[in-house]
Amino acid sequence: MQRDDMIKQQIIKIKKEKSIFIIAHYYQRTEVQEIADFIGDSYAMALAAKKAKEEKILVAGVDFMAETAAILCPEKTVLSPEPMATCPMADSVDIDEIKKYREENPETLIVSYVNTPASVKAVSDVCVTSSNAEKIASKLPPNRPILFIPDKNLADFIEKKIGRNMEKYPSFCPVHARVKTESIRFCKEKYPQAEVLVHPECAPEVVKMADYTGSTGGILNYATHSPKKSFIIGTEEGIFYALRQKRPDAEFILAVDELICPNMKSITLEKILYSLENEETVIKVPEDIREKAFNALDKMIRLSQ
């Protein structure tokens, strides 16, 4: 028996014994997704944490995902197998700058992507994910200006969808930024029958070339139901595990070689096993921040219905 298989068996045994629910993002390593109780995008992960009957949850994702679970589920123990797994785009937000902006622009609604620290969510009016941002933004009062934090590309995508201008925080995802128009053009020339499916964190000029743009969950759903059998994928390669599970008959081509989020991939089976055995690291959010951040997340869930 290979080492990974042995560790998987240990993980499955311990999570059952301790009643620990494992939630993983689509961008995780294949072997991590294989031992998860739930796999999804940011929004689905948040709902899964909230709905889980278990009192202990392990989040296999970057830090803001574990924080989100801790914010929504204060009565539960939330574990992160790698607390140093972070998100460069989320970390780019200057909280002092946002607080100052809030004071100087009281009429502006602050809409924060879920890819933000708890401190940013706490000064936001509502949170969004790539799967629900269009729906939520379209429901906001039309007479109020909007500041969208932090992904300028997602903000641009939503602007075009709902026909409403938003002020954009100047940040972006460095992984999705690697998807260029030249890459899409090269893939289309090589695979002319393939549909192009990209994440809205990609640059506007890339989105313009796509047959479909949506969250990781949206991309998976589109590919699952499309009559096509060949797809060029413009998001992190971890989604290929779920895509191949849903469409074993289809061909999937990564838009750029090694389109990898190193922070997501820093979570390993060994780290998950250690976290389960020792119940480390417990993620806690200071209560004053948690309550305010909860309001923004709870509003997101309500407006998504």
Protein backbone atom coordinates (compact mmCIF):
# COMPACT_ATOMS: atom_id res chain seq x y z
CA MET A 1 0.00 0.00 0.00
CA GLN A 2 1.32 3.44 -0.96
CA ARG A 3 1.97 6.09 1.67
CA ASP A 4 -0.84 8.38 0.48
CA ASP A 5 -3.36 5.54 0.72
CA MET A 6 -2.25 4.77 4.26
CA ILE A 7 -2.63 8.40 5.28
CA LYS A 8 -6.06 8.58 3.63
CA GLN A 9 -7.20 5.58 5.65
CA GLN A 10 -5.95 7.18 8.86
CA ILE A 11 -7.71 10.44 8.03
CA ILE A 12 -11.00 8.69 7.29
CA LYS A 13 -10.74 6.71 10.53
CA ILE A 14 -9.94 9.72 12.73
CA LYS A 15 -12.51 12.06 11.21
CA LYS A 16 -15.20 9.45 11.88
CA GLU A 17 -14.01 8.78 15.41
CA LYS A 18 -13.84 12.47 16.27
CA SER A 19 -16.86 13.48 14.14
CA ILE A 20 -14.92 16.11 12.19
CA PHE A 21 -16.43 17.38 8.93
CA ILE A 22 -13.85 18.10 6.20
CA ILE A 23 -14.62 20.85 3.70
CA ALA A 24 -12.30 21.37 0.71
CA HIS A 25 -12.10 23.89 -2.11
CA TYR A 26 -12.02 22.78 -5.75
CA TYR A 27 -8.44 24.09 -6.01
CA GLN A 28 -7.09 21.60 -3.49
CA ARG A 29 -4.83 18.70 -4.42
CA THR A 30 -6.69 15.69 -5.85
CA GLU A 31 -5.81 13.51 -2.86
CA VAL A 32 -7.20 16.16 -0.49
CA GLN A 33 -10.47 16.37 -2.40
CA GLU A 34 -10.71 12.58 -2.27
CA ILE A 35 -10.92 12.53 1.54
CA ALA A 36 -13.21 15.56 1.89
CA ASP A 37 -16.82 15.27 3.03
CA PHE A 38 -17.72 18.30 0.94
CA ILE A 39 -16.05 20.01 -2.04
CA GLY A 40 -17.14 23.37 -3.37
CA ASP A 41 -16.37 26.97 -4.21
CA SER A 42 -16.21 29.73 -1.59
CA TYR A 43 -19.96 30.25 -1.36
CA ALA A 44 -20.79 26.56 -1.22
CA MET A 45 -18.10 26.04 1.43
CA ALA A 46 -19.63 28.79 3.58
CA LEU A 47 -23.08 27.20 3.36
CA ALA A 48 -21.67 23.74 4.04
CA ALA A 49 -19.95 24.98 7.21
CA LYS A 50 -23.17 26.64 8.39
CA LYS A 51 -25.28 23.55 7.69
CA ALA A 52 -22.85 20.90 8.99
CA LYS A 53 -24.27 18.88 11.90
CA GLU A 54 -20.77 18.18 13.24
CA GLU A 55 -19.40 20.47 15.94
CA LYS A 56 -15.89 20.31 14.47
CA ILE A 57 -14.98 21.39 10.94
CA LEU A 58 -11.66 21.19 9.13
CA VAL A 59 -11.36 23.64 6.24
CA ALA A 60 -8.93 22.63 3.50
CA GLY A 61 -8.59 26.04 1.89
CA VAL A 62 -6.80 29.35 2.32
CA ASP A 63 -7.10 31.37 5.51
CA PHE A 64 -10.12 33.52 4.65
CA MET A 65 -12.16 30.35 4.00
CA ALA A 66 -11.44 29.02 7.49
CA GLU A 67 -12.15 32.48 8.91
CA THR A 68 -15.49 32.55 7.10
CA ALA A 69 -16.47 29.24 8.69
CA ALA A 70 -15.44 30.53 12.12
CA ILE A 71 -17.46 33.72 11.60
CA LEU A 72 -20.60 31.87 10.55
CA CYS A 73 -20.27 29.07 13.11
CA PRO A 74 -19.05 30.54 16.44
CA GLU A 75 -20.38 27.53 18.32
CA LYS A 76 -18.23 25.13 16.29
CA THR A 77 -14.52 24.36 16.36
CA VAL A 78 -12.95 25.31 13.03
CA LEU A 79 -9.58 23.77 12.18
CA SER A 80 -7.07 24.85 9.55
CA PRO A 81 -4.40 22.30 8.58
CA GLU A 82 -2.16 25.10 7.27
CA PRO A 83 -2.86 28.55 8.76
CA MET A 84 -0.06 30.03 6.64
CA ALA A 85 -2.02 29.20 3.47
CA THR A 86 -3.15 32.68 2.55
CA CYS A 87 -4.52 34.64 -0.41
CA PRO A 88 -2.30 37.38 -1.92
CA MET A 89 -5.32 39.26 -3.23
CA ALA A 90 -7.05 39.21 0.17
CA ASP A 91 -3.81 40.30 1.86
CA SER A 92 -3.46 43.25 -0.52
CA VAL A 93 -6.33 45.14 1.14
CA ASP A 94 -5.22 47.89 3.52
CA ILE A 95 -7.81 47.86 6.32
CA ASP A 96 -6.84 51.33 7.56
CA GLU A 97 -7.36 52.68 4.06
CA ILE A 98 -10.83 51.09 3.92
CA LYS A 99 -11.80 52.47 7.34
CA LYS A 100 -10.72 55.94 6.27
CA TYR A 101 -12.68 55.59 3.02
CA ARG A 102 -15.77 54.56 5.01
CA GLU A 103 -15.52 57.67 7.18
CA GLU A 104 -15.06 59.97 4.18
CA ASN A 105 -17.75 58.31 2.04
CA PRO A 106 -20.62 57.36 4.35
CA GLU A 107 -23.11 57.03 1.47
CA THR A 108 -21.01 54.47 -0.40
CA LEU A 109 -21.87 50.81 0.01
CA ILE A 110 -18.79 48.69 0.59
CA VAL A 111 -19.15 45.34 -1.14
CA SER A 112 -16.37 42.95 -0.25
CA TYR A 113 -15.48 39.77 -2.05
CA VAL A 114 -15.40 36.82 0.34
CA ASN A 115 -11.68 36.71 -0.53
CA THR A 116 -10.92 39.23 2.22
CA PRO A 117 -9.78 39.09 5.88
CA ALA A 118 -12.40 39.18 8.65
CA SER A 119 -11.39 42.77 9.49
CA VAL A 120 -12.42 43.90 5.99
CA LYS A 121 -15.69 41.99 6.10
CA ALA A 122 -16.41 43.73 9.42
CA VAL A 123 -16.43 47.17 7.77
CA SER A 124 -18.39 45.99 4.72
CA ASP A 125 -22.09 46.35 4.03
CA VAL A 126 -22.31 42.97 2.32
CA CYS A 127 -20.03 40.19 1.11
CA VAL A 128 -20.24 38.43 -2.24
CA THR A 129 -18.63 35.49 -4.00
CA SER A 130 -18.05 35.03 -7.70
CA SER A 131 -21.15 32.81 -7.81
CA ASN A 132 -23.56 35.34 -6.31
CA ALA A 133 -22.01 38.78 -6.90
CA GLU A 134 -24.22 39.58 -9.89
CA LYS A 135 -27.44 38.70 -8.05
CA ILE A 136 -26.48 40.62 -4.92
CA ALA A 137 -25.17 43.73 -6.69
CA SER A 138 -28.39 43.93 -8.71
CA LYS A 139 -30.41 44.06 -5.48
CA LEU A 140 -28.50 46.94 -3.88
CA PRO A 141 -30.11 50.40 -3.72
CA PRO A 142 -29.57 52.08 -7.12
CA ASN A 143 -29.04 55.52 -5.58
CA ARG A 144 -26.01 54.46 -3.51
CA PRO A 145 -22.45 54.39 -4.92
CA ILE A 146 -20.53 51.11 -4.55
CA LEU A 147 -16.92 50.35 -3.69
CA PHE A 148 -16.02 46.79 -4.66
CA ILE A 149 -13.13 45.18 -2.76
CA PRO A 150 -10.65 43.82 -3.79
CA ASP A 151 -10.90 42.16 -7.22
CA LYS A 152 -11.07 44.76 -9.97
CA ASN A 153 -11.62 42.07 -12.62
CA LEU A 154 -14.64 40.56 -10.90
CA ALA A 155 -15.97 44.10 -10.37
CA ASP A 156 -15.57 44.82 -14.08
CA PHE A 157 -17.42 41.62 -14.94
CA ILE A 158 -20.32 42.51 -12.61
CA GLU A 159 -20.46 46.09 -13.91
CA LYS A 160 -21.03 44.83 -17.44
CA LYS A 161 -23.61 42.28 -16.26
CA ILE A 162 -25.82 44.71 -14.34
CA GLY A 163 -25.02 47.95 -16.17
CA ARG A 164 -23.93 49.79 -13.05
CA ASN A 165 -20.61 51.51 -12.42
CA MET A 166 -18.66 50.65 -9.30
CA GLU A 167 -15.51 52.05 -7.79
CA LYS A 168 -12.89 49.31 -7.83
CA TYR A 169 -10.12 48.50 -5.40
CA PRO A 170 -6.91 48.09 -7.47
CA SER A 171 -6.14 44.44 -6.82
CA PHE A 172 -6.43 41.11 -8.61
CA CYS A 173 -5.66 37.39 -8.35
CA PRO A 174 -2.08 36.67 -9.47
CA VAL A 175 -3.01 33.13 -10.52
CA HIS A 176 -5.87 34.12 -12.83
CA ALA A 177 -3.77 37.02 -14.13
CA ARG A 178 -1.56 34.41 -15.80
CA VAL A 179 -4.37 33.62 -18.25
CA LYS A 180 -3.70 35.87 -21.25
CA THR A 181 -5.50 36.40 -24.53
CA GLU A 182 -2.50 34.87 -26.32
CA SER A 183 -2.93 31.69 -24.27
CA ILE A 184 -6.62 31.44 -25.12
CA ARG A 185 -5.93 32.14 -28.79
CA PHE A 186 -3.22 29.46 -28.89
CA CYS A 187 -5.53 26.89 -27.28
CA LYS A 188 -8.41 27.77 -29.60
CA GLU A 189 -6.18 27.28 -32.64
CA LYS A 190 -5.09 23.89 -31.35
CA TYR A 191 -8.57 22.85 -30.15
CA PRO A 192 -11.03 24.70 -32.43
CA GLN A 193 -14.06 22.70 -31.23
CA ALA A 194 -13.42 23.45 -27.56
CA GLU A 195 -15.49 25.86 -25.49
CA VAL A 196 -13.61 28.41 -23.39
CA LEU A 197 -14.67 28.50 -19.73
CA VAL A 198 -13.00 31.08 -17.49
CA HIS A 199 -13.28 32.54 -14.00
CA PRO A 200 -14.34 36.22 -13.66
CA GLU A 201 -11.08 36.89 -11.80
CA CYS A 202 -9.46 36.71 -15.25
CA ALA A 203 -8.74 39.98 -17.06
CA PRO A 204 -11.65 41.59 -19.00
CA GLU A 205 -10.02 40.92 -22.37
CA VAL A 206 -9.84 37.19 -21.49
CA VAL A 207 -13.45 37.14 -20.29
CA LYS A 208 -14.47 38.68 -23.62
CA MET A 209 -13.04 35.64 -25.44
CA ALA A 210 -14.86 33.10 -23.28
CA ASP A 211 -17.95 31.07 -24.13
CA TYR A 212 -18.79 31.04 -20.43
CA THR A 213 -17.53 33.00 -17.42
CA GLY A 214 -18.40 31.96 -13.89
CA SER A 215 -17.28 30.74 -10.49
CA THR A 216 -15.56 27.40 -10.11
CA GLY A 217 -18.93 25.89 -9.24
CA GLY A 218 -20.45 27.61 -12.27
CA ILE A 219 -17.73 26.30 -14.58
CA LEU A 220 -18.28 22.79 -13.26
CA ASN A 221 -22.05 23.03 -13.75
CA TYR A 222 -21.66 24.43 -17.27
CA ALA A 223 -19.25 21.70 -18.37
CA THR A 224 -21.46 19.03 -16.81
CA HIS A 225 -24.48 20.05 -18.90
CA SER A 226 -22.82 21.23 -22.11
CA PRO A 227 -23.21 19.00 -25.20
CA LYS A 228 -19.61 19.80 -26.08
CA LYS A 229 -16.84 17.34 -25.25
CA SER A 230 -13.82 19.62 -25.24
CA PHE A 231 -13.19 22.55 -22.89
CA ILE A 232 -10.40 25.10 -22.39
CA ILE A 233 -10.35 25.92 -18.67
CA GLY A 234 -9.21 29.32 -17.39
CA THR A 235 -9.00 28.73 -13.66
CA GLU A 236 -6.82 26.87 -11.15
CA GLU A 237 -6.05 23.31 -12.22
CA GLY A 238 -7.49 21.74 -9.06
CA ILE A 239 -10.95 21.93 -10.62
CA PHE A 240 -9.93 19.20 -13.06
CA TYR A 241 -10.61 16.57 -10.39
CA ALA A 242 -14.29 17.52 -10.14
CA LEU A 243 -14.60 18.12 -13.89
CA ARG A 244 -13.34 14.63 -14.70
CA GLN A 245 -15.63 13.12 -12.09
CA LYS A 246 -18.64 14.79 -13.71
CA ARG A 247 -17.56 14.43 -17.34
CA PRO A 248 -15.27 11.42 -17.78
CA ASP A 249 -16.17 11.50 -21.48
CA ALA A 250 -14.83 15.02 -22.00
CA GLU A 251 -11.42 16.54 -22.72
CA PHE A 252 -10.19 19.40 -20.51
CA ILE A 253 -7.34 21.68 -21.54
CA LEU A 254 -5.71 24.04 -19.06
CA ALA A 255 -5.50 27.52 -20.60
CA VAL A 256 -1.97 28.01 -19.24
CA ASP A 257 0.54 25.36 -18.18
CA GLU A 258 0.81 24.89 -14.41
CA LEU A 259 -2.02 27.26 -13.53
CA ILE A 260 -1.53 26.59 -9.82
CA CYS A 261 -2.26 28.45 -6.59
CA PRO A 262 0.74 27.52 -4.41
CA ASN A 263 -1.12 28.56 -1.26
CA MET A 264 -3.96 26.13 -1.93
CA LYS A 265 -1.49 23.40 -2.78
CA SER A 266 0.43 23.96 0.46
CA ILE A 267 -2.22 21.84 2.20
CA THR A 268 -1.23 18.18 2.18
CA LEU A 269 -2.60 14.90 3.50
CA GLU A 270 0.12 14.90 6.15
CA LYS A 271 -0.95 18.32 7.42
CA ILE A 272 -4.60 17.30 7.49
CA LEU A 273 -3.77 14.17 9.46
CA TYR A 274 -1.74 16.18 11.98
CA SER A 275 -4.55 18.71 12.31
CA LEU A 276 -7.11 15.97 12.95
CA GLU A 277 -4.91 14.14 15.46
CA ASN A 278 -3.98 17.24 17.45
CA GLU A 279 -7.03 19.36 16.65
CA GLU A 280 -4.79 22.19 15.47
CA THR A 281 -4.87 24.94 14.38
CA VAL A 282 -8.12 26.29 15.81
CA ILE A 283 -9.23 29.42 13.96
CA LYS A 284 -10.69 32.15 16.14
CA VAL A 285 -11.96 35.59 15.19
CA PRO A 286 -12.23 38.31 17.89
CA GLU A 287 -15.90 38.61 18.82
CA ASP A 288 -16.24 42.32 18.02
CA ILE A 289 -14.93 41.69 14.50
CA ARG A 290 -16.80 38.41 14.14
CA GLU A 291 -20.21 39.95 14.86
CA LYS A 292 -19.77 42.71 12.29
CA ALA A 293 -18.32 40.33 9.69
CA PHE A 294 -21.20 37.92 10.38
CA ASN A 295 -23.70 40.64 9.44
CA ALA A 296 -22.05 41.12 6.03
CA LEU A 297 -21.89 37.37 5.38
CA ASP A 298 -25.41 36.75 6.63
CA LYS A 299 -26.71 39.50 4.33
CA MET A 300 -24.89 37.79 1.45
CA ILE A 301 -26.65 34.51 2.19
CA ARG A 302 -30.07 36.19 2.49
CA LEU A 303 -29.68 38.19 -0.74
CA SER A 304 -28.50 35.06 -2.58
CA GLN A 305 -31.84 33.34 -2.07
